[in-house]
Amino acid sequence: MVHVVSALRLAPPIHNALKSRQAATDTSTSSEAPDFRALFTSVPTPVTAAPPPPPAAPTAESKFGANPWMTNPTGIGPDGAPYSYNPHYFATAQTAATVAQMVGGKVVQSNQFTPNGGPFLQQQPNYMVQLGDGRMINPGLVASFYTHGYPQSYVDMMVACEVKNA
């Protein structure tokens, strides 16, 4: 068992040490306490105007028009039952033309989901953008880049990656 109390009795009181340190560093001759009203009577710092907000993120509608994608793209299964495709894969002709102008390609039509026939049939062709080297990108997917609220600089980077990796 250890007794700590006896060691504490030998230590000088802390408040005395603080007072002696303050007295050693105090160079003023005045013994008055500081006036706390001075803390609240200073001249206020003028408020600067907030920086302007960043430009609004572009939307698919602002870039490609009111309807960037086909409304209800469908196909027919082997049993004759209709089914729906994701509209983001089916750009309108106007959207495809805008994307083609953006990337320097031309608009072509193709059945991307049923290219060689078979038991499934597309009811509407995909408008695709064929690049100068023959590779194709889907303009509907490019238009979908504008649905996330990204700034234009980020969308430009995504389009460049789509073109590079097509």
N, C-alpha and C. Protein backbone atom coordinates (compact mmCIF):
# COMPACT_ATOMS: atom_id res chain seq x y z
N MET A 1 0.83 -1.17 0.00
CA MET A 1 0.00 0.00 0.00
C MET A 1 0.89 1.25 0.00
N VAL A 2 0.56 2.22 -0.82
CA VAL A 2 1.37 3.42 -0.96
C VAL A 2 0.60 4.60 -0.40
N HIS A 3 1.31 5.44 0.35
CA HIS A 3 0.71 6.65 0.89
C HIS A 3 1.20 7.84 0.08
N VAL A 4 0.27 8.48 -0.65
CA VAL A 4 0.62 9.60 -1.51
C VAL A 4 0.46 10.92 -0.77
N VAL A 5 -0.29 10.95 0.26
CA VAL A 5 -0.61 12.16 0.98
C VAL A 5 0.65 12.85 1.50
N SER A 6 1.60 12.11 1.97
CA SER A 6 2.81 12.72 2.52
C SER A 6 3.61 13.44 1.45
N ALA A 7 3.60 12.93 0.21
CA ALA A 7 4.32 13.60 -0.87
C ALA A 7 3.64 14.90 -1.27
N LEU A 8 2.34 14.96 -1.18
CA LEU A 8 1.61 16.17 -1.55
C LEU A 8 1.84 17.28 -0.54
N ARG A 9 2.11 16.95 0.69
CA ARG A 9 2.31 17.98 1.71
C ARG A 9 3.61 18.74 1.48
N LEU A 10 4.56 18.14 0.79
CA LEU A 10 5.83 18.80 0.56
C LEU A 10 5.78 19.79 -0.60
N ALA A 11 4.81 19.63 -1.50
CA ALA A 11 4.72 20.50 -2.66
C ALA A 11 4.21 21.87 -2.25
N PRO A 12 4.80 22.92 -2.83
CA PRO A 12 4.30 24.26 -2.49
C PRO A 12 2.90 24.46 -3.07
N PRO A 13 2.11 25.28 -2.45
CA PRO A 13 0.75 25.52 -2.97
C PRO A 13 0.82 26.14 -4.36
N ILE A 14 -0.07 25.69 -5.23
CA ILE A 14 -0.06 26.11 -6.62
C ILE A 14 -0.42 27.58 -6.76
N HIS A 15 -1.39 28.05 -6.03
CA HIS A 15 -1.83 29.44 -6.19
C HIS A 15 -0.70 30.41 -5.85
N ASN A 16 0.15 30.06 -4.92
CA ASN A 16 1.29 30.93 -4.59
C ASN A 16 2.29 30.96 -5.74
N ALA A 17 2.51 29.81 -6.39
CA ALA A 17 3.45 29.76 -7.51
C ALA A 17 2.93 30.60 -8.67
N LEU A 18 1.62 30.55 -8.93
CA LEU A 18 1.05 31.33 -10.02
C LEU A 18 1.15 32.82 -9.73
N LYS A 19 0.90 33.21 -8.48
CA LYS A 19 0.99 34.63 -8.13
C LYS A 19 2.41 35.13 -8.27
N SER A 20 3.38 34.34 -7.84
CA SER A 20 4.76 34.79 -7.95
C SER A 20 5.20 34.86 -9.40
N ARG A 21 4.75 33.94 -10.24
CA ARG A 21 5.09 34.00 -11.67
C ARG A 21 4.46 35.22 -12.33
N GLN A 22 3.21 35.52 -11.97
CA GLN A 22 2.53 36.68 -12.54
C GLN A 22 3.21 37.97 -12.08
N ALA A 23 3.63 38.02 -10.86
CA ALA A 23 4.31 39.21 -10.35
C ALA A 23 5.64 39.41 -11.05
N ALA A 24 6.33 38.34 -11.38
CA ALA A 24 7.62 38.45 -12.05
C ALA A 24 7.47 38.96 -13.48
N THR A 25 6.38 38.62 -14.15
CA THR A 25 6.18 39.04 -15.54
C THR A 25 5.39 40.32 -15.66
N ASP A 26 4.79 40.81 -14.60
CA ASP A 26 3.98 42.02 -14.65
C ASP A 26 4.90 43.23 -14.63
N THR A 27 4.84 44.02 -15.71
CA THR A 27 5.69 45.21 -15.81
C THR A 27 4.91 46.49 -15.59
N SER A 28 3.61 46.38 -15.45
CA SER A 28 2.82 47.60 -15.27
C SER A 28 2.95 48.08 -13.82
N THR A 29 2.78 49.33 -13.67
CA THR A 29 2.85 49.90 -12.32
C THR A 29 1.48 50.08 -11.72
N SER A 30 0.45 49.89 -12.54
CA SER A 30 -0.90 50.08 -12.06
C SER A 30 -1.37 48.82 -11.36
N SER A 31 -2.10 48.99 -10.30
CA SER A 31 -2.63 47.85 -9.58
C SER A 31 -4.12 47.68 -9.85
N GLU A 32 -4.66 48.44 -10.82
CA GLU A 32 -6.08 48.35 -11.13
C GLU A 32 -6.37 47.10 -11.95
N ALA A 33 -7.53 46.56 -11.74
CA ALA A 33 -7.97 45.41 -12.54
C ALA A 33 -8.34 45.91 -13.93
N PRO A 34 -8.17 45.08 -14.96
CA PRO A 34 -8.54 45.52 -16.31
C PRO A 34 -10.04 45.78 -16.39
N ASP A 35 -10.40 46.73 -17.25
CA ASP A 35 -11.79 47.09 -17.43
C ASP A 35 -12.41 46.15 -18.46
N PHE A 36 -13.32 45.33 -18.04
CA PHE A 36 -13.93 44.36 -18.94
C PHE A 36 -14.88 45.00 -19.95
N ARG A 37 -15.30 46.22 -19.70
CA ARG A 37 -16.15 46.90 -20.67
C ARG A 37 -15.40 47.16 -21.97
N ALA A 38 -14.08 47.24 -21.90
CA ALA A 38 -13.28 47.47 -23.11
C ALA A 38 -13.39 46.30 -24.09
N LEU A 39 -13.67 45.13 -23.55
CA LEU A 39 -13.83 43.96 -24.44
C LEU A 39 -15.06 44.10 -25.34
N PHE A 40 -16.06 44.84 -24.88
CA PHE A 40 -17.32 44.92 -25.61
C PHE A 40 -17.53 46.25 -26.32
N THR A 41 -16.60 47.16 -26.22
CA THR A 41 -16.76 48.47 -26.84
C THR A 41 -15.82 48.66 -28.02
N SER A 42 -15.24 47.60 -28.52
CA SER A 42 -14.33 47.74 -29.65
C SER A 42 -15.12 48.03 -30.93
N VAL A 43 -14.45 48.57 -31.90
CA VAL A 43 -15.08 48.90 -33.17
C VAL A 43 -15.37 47.59 -33.91
N PRO A 44 -16.60 47.38 -34.34
CA PRO A 44 -16.92 46.12 -35.01
C PRO A 44 -16.22 46.03 -36.37
N THR A 45 -15.86 44.83 -36.73
CA THR A 45 -15.24 44.58 -38.03
C THR A 45 -16.33 44.56 -39.09
N PRO A 46 -16.16 45.32 -40.17
CA PRO A 46 -17.21 45.33 -41.19
C PRO A 46 -17.34 43.94 -41.84
N VAL A 47 -18.56 43.57 -42.12
CA VAL A 47 -18.85 42.28 -42.73
C VAL A 47 -18.66 42.41 -44.25
N THR A 48 -17.90 41.51 -44.81
CA THR A 48 -17.71 41.54 -46.27
C THR A 48 -18.83 40.75 -46.93
N ALA A 49 -19.10 41.07 -48.16
CA ALA A 49 -20.15 40.38 -48.89
C ALA A 49 -19.75 38.93 -49.14
N ALA A 50 -20.71 38.06 -49.09
CA ALA A 50 -20.45 36.64 -49.35
C ALA A 50 -20.09 36.46 -50.82
N PRO A 51 -19.23 35.50 -51.11
CA PRO A 51 -18.90 35.27 -52.51
C PRO A 51 -20.13 34.82 -53.28
N PRO A 52 -20.18 35.09 -54.57
CA PRO A 52 -21.37 34.69 -55.33
C PRO A 52 -21.48 33.16 -55.36
N PRO A 53 -22.69 32.66 -55.39
CA PRO A 53 -22.85 31.20 -55.43
C PRO A 53 -22.33 30.65 -56.75
N PRO A 54 -21.92 29.38 -56.76
CA PRO A 54 -21.45 28.80 -58.02
C PRO A 54 -22.61 28.70 -59.01
N PRO A 55 -22.31 28.65 -60.30
CA PRO A 55 -23.40 28.55 -61.26
C PRO A 55 -24.20 27.27 -61.05
N ALA A 56 -25.45 27.35 -61.37
CA ALA A 56 -26.33 26.19 -61.21
C ALA A 56 -25.84 25.04 -62.09
N ALA A 57 -25.97 23.84 -61.57
CA ALA A 57 -25.56 22.67 -62.33
C ALA A 57 -26.50 22.49 -63.52
N PRO A 58 -25.96 22.12 -64.68
CA PRO A 58 -26.83 21.91 -65.83
C PRO A 58 -27.69 20.67 -65.63
N THR A 59 -28.83 20.66 -66.28
CA THR A 59 -29.72 19.50 -66.23
C THR A 59 -29.85 18.92 -67.63
N ALA A 60 -30.33 17.69 -67.70
CA ALA A 60 -30.53 17.07 -69.01
C ALA A 60 -31.52 17.89 -69.83
N GLU A 61 -32.55 18.41 -69.19
CA GLU A 61 -33.56 19.19 -69.90
C GLU A 61 -33.00 20.52 -70.39
N SER A 62 -32.11 21.14 -69.60
CA SER A 62 -31.54 22.42 -70.04
C SER A 62 -30.55 22.22 -71.18
N LYS A 63 -29.97 21.06 -71.29
CA LYS A 63 -28.97 20.80 -72.33
C LYS A 63 -29.59 20.19 -73.59
N PHE A 64 -30.58 19.30 -73.42
CA PHE A 64 -31.10 18.53 -74.55
C PHE A 64 -32.56 18.77 -74.88
N GLY A 65 -33.25 19.60 -74.12
CA GLY A 65 -34.66 19.85 -74.39
C GLY A 65 -35.55 19.17 -73.37
N ALA A 66 -36.85 19.35 -73.53
CA ALA A 66 -37.82 18.88 -72.54
C ALA A 66 -37.83 17.36 -72.37
N ASN A 67 -37.56 16.63 -73.43
CA ASN A 67 -37.61 15.16 -73.37
C ASN A 67 -36.33 14.57 -73.96
N PRO A 68 -35.28 14.39 -73.16
CA PRO A 68 -34.03 13.88 -73.71
C PRO A 68 -34.08 12.39 -74.09
N TRP A 69 -35.05 11.65 -73.55
CA TRP A 69 -35.13 10.21 -73.80
C TRP A 69 -36.51 9.85 -74.37
N MET A 70 -36.56 8.73 -75.06
CA MET A 70 -37.85 8.25 -75.53
C MET A 70 -38.73 7.95 -74.33
N THR A 71 -40.02 8.16 -74.49
CA THR A 71 -40.94 8.06 -73.37
C THR A 71 -41.11 6.64 -72.84
N ASN A 72 -41.34 5.68 -73.71
CA ASN A 72 -41.62 4.32 -73.24
C ASN A 72 -41.04 3.31 -74.22
N PRO A 73 -39.72 3.13 -74.26
CA PRO A 73 -39.15 2.15 -75.19
C PRO A 73 -39.52 0.73 -74.77
N THR A 74 -39.95 -0.05 -75.75
CA THR A 74 -40.42 -1.41 -75.43
C THR A 74 -39.81 -2.43 -76.38
N GLY A 75 -39.97 -3.65 -76.00
CA GLY A 75 -39.58 -4.79 -76.83
C GLY A 75 -40.65 -5.86 -76.72
N ILE A 76 -40.49 -6.89 -77.54
CA ILE A 76 -41.44 -8.01 -77.51
C ILE A 76 -40.63 -9.28 -77.27
N GLY A 77 -41.06 -10.06 -76.29
CA GLY A 77 -40.38 -11.30 -75.94
C GLY A 77 -40.79 -12.45 -76.85
N PRO A 78 -40.17 -13.62 -76.68
CA PRO A 78 -40.45 -14.77 -77.53
C PRO A 78 -41.90 -15.25 -77.45
N ASP A 79 -42.55 -14.97 -76.34
CA ASP A 79 -43.96 -15.39 -76.19
C ASP A 79 -44.93 -14.31 -76.66
N GLY A 80 -44.38 -13.20 -77.21
CA GLY A 80 -45.22 -12.12 -77.72
C GLY A 80 -45.59 -11.09 -76.67
N ALA A 81 -45.13 -11.28 -75.44
CA ALA A 81 -45.45 -10.33 -74.37
C ALA A 81 -44.52 -9.10 -74.46
N PRO A 82 -45.08 -7.91 -74.34
CA PRO A 82 -44.24 -6.71 -74.38
C PRO A 82 -43.50 -6.52 -73.05
N TYR A 83 -42.37 -5.87 -73.12
CA TYR A 83 -41.61 -5.51 -71.93
C TYR A 83 -40.98 -4.14 -72.17
N SER A 84 -40.56 -3.49 -71.10
CA SER A 84 -40.02 -2.13 -71.18
C SER A 84 -38.50 -2.14 -71.05
N TYR A 85 -37.88 -1.19 -71.72
CA TYR A 85 -36.45 -0.94 -71.58
C TYR A 85 -36.25 0.29 -70.72
N ASN A 86 -35.06 0.43 -70.17
CA ASN A 86 -34.70 1.63 -69.42
C ASN A 86 -34.60 2.78 -70.42
N PRO A 87 -35.37 3.85 -70.23
CA PRO A 87 -35.36 4.96 -71.19
C PRO A 87 -33.99 5.63 -71.33
N HIS A 88 -33.13 5.54 -70.33
CA HIS A 88 -31.82 6.19 -70.44
C HIS A 88 -30.96 5.60 -71.55
N TYR A 89 -31.30 4.43 -72.03
CA TYR A 89 -30.57 3.83 -73.16
C TYR A 89 -31.14 4.26 -74.51
N PHE A 90 -32.25 5.00 -74.49
CA PHE A 90 -32.94 5.38 -75.72
C PHE A 90 -33.07 6.90 -75.81
N ALA A 91 -32.03 7.53 -76.34
CA ALA A 91 -32.05 8.98 -76.54
C ALA A 91 -32.98 9.32 -77.71
N THR A 92 -33.54 10.52 -77.66
CA THR A 92 -34.31 11.00 -78.81
C THR A 92 -33.32 11.40 -79.90
N ALA A 93 -33.86 11.62 -81.11
CA ALA A 93 -33.01 12.04 -82.23
C ALA A 93 -32.36 13.39 -81.92
N GLN A 94 -33.09 14.29 -81.26
CA GLN A 94 -32.54 15.61 -80.90
C GLN A 94 -31.38 15.46 -79.92
N THR A 95 -31.54 14.61 -78.91
CA THR A 95 -30.46 14.39 -77.93
C THR A 95 -29.25 13.79 -78.62
N ALA A 96 -29.47 12.81 -79.48
CA ALA A 96 -28.36 12.18 -80.20
C ALA A 96 -27.62 13.19 -81.07
N ALA A 97 -28.36 14.08 -81.74
CA ALA A 97 -27.73 15.09 -82.59
C ALA A 97 -26.90 16.07 -81.74
N THR A 98 -27.39 16.43 -80.57
CA THR A 98 -26.64 17.33 -79.69
C THR A 98 -25.36 16.67 -79.19
N VAL A 99 -25.45 15.40 -78.78
CA VAL A 99 -24.26 14.68 -78.31
C VAL A 99 -23.27 14.50 -79.47
N ALA A 100 -23.77 14.20 -80.67
CA ALA A 100 -22.89 14.05 -81.83
C ALA A 100 -22.12 15.35 -82.09
N GLN A 101 -22.79 16.47 -81.95
CA GLN A 101 -22.13 17.76 -82.13
C GLN A 101 -21.09 17.99 -81.02
N MET A 102 -21.40 17.57 -79.80
CA MET A 102 -20.48 17.75 -78.68
C MET A 102 -19.18 16.97 -78.86
N VAL A 103 -19.28 15.75 -79.39
CA VAL A 103 -18.11 14.86 -79.45
C VAL A 103 -17.53 14.71 -80.85
N GLY A 104 -18.16 15.33 -81.83
CA GLY A 104 -17.64 15.24 -83.19
C GLY A 104 -17.94 13.91 -83.86
N GLY A 105 -19.16 13.45 -83.75
CA GLY A 105 -19.56 12.19 -84.38
C GLY A 105 -20.80 12.39 -85.22
N LYS A 106 -21.37 11.26 -85.65
CA LYS A 106 -22.61 11.33 -86.43
C LYS A 106 -23.63 10.36 -85.84
N VAL A 107 -24.90 10.66 -86.04
CA VAL A 107 -25.98 9.86 -85.48
C VAL A 107 -26.28 8.69 -86.41
N VAL A 108 -26.37 7.50 -85.81
CA VAL A 108 -26.76 6.29 -86.55
C VAL A 108 -27.82 5.57 -85.71
N GLN A 109 -28.66 4.79 -86.39
CA GLN A 109 -29.67 4.00 -85.71
C GLN A 109 -29.22 2.55 -85.70
N SER A 110 -29.45 1.88 -84.57
CA SER A 110 -29.16 0.45 -84.49
C SER A 110 -29.97 -0.16 -83.36
N ASN A 111 -30.17 -1.44 -83.46
CA ASN A 111 -30.83 -2.18 -82.40
C ASN A 111 -29.74 -2.74 -81.48
N GLN A 112 -29.40 -2.00 -80.45
CA GLN A 112 -28.30 -2.38 -79.57
C GLN A 112 -28.62 -3.58 -78.69
N PHE A 113 -29.89 -3.80 -78.37
CA PHE A 113 -30.24 -4.90 -77.48
C PHE A 113 -30.58 -6.17 -78.24
N THR A 114 -30.98 -6.04 -79.47
CA THR A 114 -31.29 -7.22 -80.31
C THR A 114 -30.63 -7.04 -81.68
N PRO A 115 -29.29 -7.03 -81.75
CA PRO A 115 -28.62 -6.71 -83.01
C PRO A 115 -28.75 -7.78 -84.09
N ASN A 116 -28.85 -9.03 -83.71
CA ASN A 116 -28.85 -10.11 -84.71
C ASN A 116 -30.17 -10.85 -84.80
N GLY A 117 -31.23 -10.18 -84.46
CA GLY A 117 -32.52 -10.86 -84.49
C GLY A 117 -32.68 -11.73 -83.26
N GLY A 118 -33.27 -12.87 -83.42
CA GLY A 118 -33.48 -13.77 -82.29
C GLY A 118 -34.91 -13.65 -81.80
N PRO A 119 -35.19 -14.27 -80.67
CA PRO A 119 -36.57 -14.29 -80.19
C PRO A 119 -37.03 -12.97 -79.59
N PHE A 120 -36.12 -12.07 -79.27
CA PHE A 120 -36.50 -10.78 -78.71
C PHE A 120 -36.42 -9.71 -79.79
N LEU A 121 -37.37 -8.78 -79.77
CA LEU A 121 -37.42 -7.71 -80.77
C LEU A 121 -37.53 -6.35 -80.09
N GLN A 122 -36.73 -5.41 -80.55
CA GLN A 122 -36.87 -4.02 -80.10
C GLN A 122 -37.94 -3.36 -80.93
N GLN A 123 -38.78 -2.58 -80.29
CA GLN A 123 -39.82 -1.84 -81.00
C GLN A 123 -39.29 -0.51 -81.52
N GLN A 124 -38.28 0.05 -80.86
CA GLN A 124 -37.68 1.32 -81.27
C GLN A 124 -36.17 1.10 -81.38
N PRO A 125 -35.55 1.65 -82.42
CA PRO A 125 -34.09 1.54 -82.52
C PRO A 125 -33.41 2.51 -81.55
N ASN A 126 -32.17 2.23 -81.22
CA ASN A 126 -31.37 3.15 -80.43
C ASN A 126 -30.72 4.15 -81.37
N TYR A 127 -30.79 5.43 -81.01
CA TYR A 127 -30.00 6.44 -81.71
C TYR A 127 -28.63 6.43 -81.04
N MET A 128 -27.61 6.12 -81.79
CA MET A 128 -26.25 6.05 -81.27
C MET A 128 -25.42 7.12 -81.95
N VAL A 129 -24.28 7.47 -81.35
CA VAL A 129 -23.34 8.41 -81.95
C VAL A 129 -22.10 7.62 -82.34
N GLN A 130 -21.83 7.64 -83.65
CA GLN A 130 -20.64 6.96 -84.15
C GLN A 130 -19.50 7.98 -84.21
N LEU A 131 -18.41 7.64 -83.54
CA LEU A 131 -17.24 8.52 -83.50
C LEU A 131 -16.46 8.40 -84.80
N GLY A 132 -15.51 9.27 -85.01
CA GLY A 132 -14.73 9.29 -86.24
C GLY A 132 -13.98 8.00 -86.52
N ASP A 133 -13.60 7.27 -85.47
CA ASP A 133 -12.87 6.02 -85.66
C ASP A 133 -13.78 4.80 -85.73
N GLY A 134 -15.11 5.00 -85.77
CA GLY A 134 -16.05 3.90 -85.91
C GLY A 134 -16.65 3.41 -84.61
N ARG A 135 -16.06 3.75 -83.48
CA ARG A 135 -16.64 3.33 -82.20
C ARG A 135 -17.93 4.09 -81.94
N MET A 136 -18.81 3.50 -81.12
CA MET A 136 -20.11 4.13 -80.86
C MET A 136 -20.30 4.35 -79.37
N ILE A 137 -20.97 5.45 -79.06
CA ILE A 137 -21.39 5.73 -77.69
C ILE A 137 -22.89 5.93 -77.67
N ASN A 138 -23.49 5.68 -76.51
CA ASN A 138 -24.92 5.84 -76.36
C ASN A 138 -25.22 7.25 -75.85
N PRO A 139 -25.86 8.10 -76.66
CA PRO A 139 -26.14 9.47 -76.23
C PRO A 139 -27.14 9.55 -75.08
N GLY A 140 -27.95 8.52 -74.91
CA GLY A 140 -28.87 8.51 -73.77
C GLY A 140 -28.11 8.44 -72.46
N LEU A 141 -27.04 7.65 -72.44
CA LEU A 141 -26.22 7.58 -71.23
C LEU A 141 -25.48 8.88 -71.01
N VAL A 142 -25.01 9.51 -72.07
CA VAL A 142 -24.34 10.81 -71.94
C VAL A 142 -25.34 11.82 -71.36
N ALA A 143 -26.57 11.81 -71.83
CA ALA A 143 -27.58 12.73 -71.29
C ALA A 143 -27.85 12.45 -69.82
N SER A 144 -27.74 11.18 -69.41
CA SER A 144 -28.00 10.85 -68.01
C SER A 144 -26.92 11.42 -67.08
N PHE A 145 -25.76 11.78 -67.60
CA PHE A 145 -24.72 12.41 -66.77
C PHE A 145 -25.23 13.73 -66.19
N TYR A 146 -26.19 14.35 -66.85
CA TYR A 146 -26.71 15.65 -66.44
C TYR A 146 -27.82 15.54 -65.39
N THR A 147 -28.15 14.33 -64.94
CA THR A 147 -29.25 14.16 -63.99
C THR A 147 -28.79 14.10 -62.54
N HIS A 148 -27.49 14.24 -62.28
CA HIS A 148 -26.98 14.05 -60.92
C HIS A 148 -26.63 15.35 -60.21
N GLY A 149 -26.75 16.49 -60.88
CA GLY A 149 -26.42 17.76 -60.24
C GLY A 149 -24.93 18.07 -60.26
N TYR A 150 -24.17 17.38 -61.11
CA TYR A 150 -22.73 17.64 -61.19
C TYR A 150 -22.47 18.96 -61.90
N PRO A 151 -21.38 19.66 -61.55
CA PRO A 151 -21.04 20.87 -62.30
C PRO A 151 -20.62 20.52 -63.72
N GLN A 152 -20.69 21.49 -64.61
CA GLN A 152 -20.40 21.26 -66.03
C GLN A 152 -18.99 20.70 -66.23
N SER A 153 -18.03 21.15 -65.44
CA SER A 153 -16.66 20.67 -65.59
C SER A 153 -16.56 19.17 -65.33
N TYR A 154 -17.32 18.67 -64.36
CA TYR A 154 -17.31 17.24 -64.05
C TYR A 154 -18.02 16.44 -65.15
N VAL A 155 -19.12 16.98 -65.65
CA VAL A 155 -19.84 16.31 -66.75
C VAL A 155 -18.93 16.25 -67.98
N ASP A 156 -18.19 17.32 -68.27
CA ASP A 156 -17.26 17.32 -69.40
C ASP A 156 -16.23 16.21 -69.26
N MET A 157 -15.74 16.01 -68.03
CA MET A 157 -14.77 14.95 -67.78
C MET A 157 -15.41 13.57 -68.01
N MET A 158 -16.65 13.39 -67.58
CA MET A 158 -17.33 12.12 -67.77
C MET A 158 -17.56 11.84 -69.26
N VAL A 159 -17.93 12.86 -70.02
CA VAL A 159 -18.13 12.68 -71.46
C VAL A 159 -16.81 12.31 -72.12
N ALA A 160 -15.73 12.99 -71.73
CA ALA A 160 -14.41 12.67 -72.30
C ALA A 160 -14.02 11.23 -71.99
N CYS A 161 -14.30 10.75 -70.79
CA CYS A 161 -14.00 9.36 -70.44
C CYS A 161 -14.85 8.40 -71.24
N GLU A 162 -16.12 8.75 -71.45
CA GLU A 162 -17.00 7.89 -72.26
C GLU A 162 -16.48 7.78 -73.68
N VAL A 163 -16.03 8.88 -74.25
CA VAL A 163 -15.48 8.88 -75.62
C VAL A 163 -14.19 8.09 -75.67
N LYS A 164 -13.35 8.27 -74.67
CA LYS A 164 -12.05 7.58 -74.64
C LYS A 164 -12.21 6.07 -74.51
N ASN A 165 -13.17 5.64 -73.70
CA ASN A 165 -13.34 4.22 -73.41
C ASN A 165 -14.40 3.54 -74.27
N ALA A 166 -14.94 4.23 -75.27
CA ALA A 166 -16.00 3.65 -76.09
C ALA A 166 -15.52 2.42 -76.83
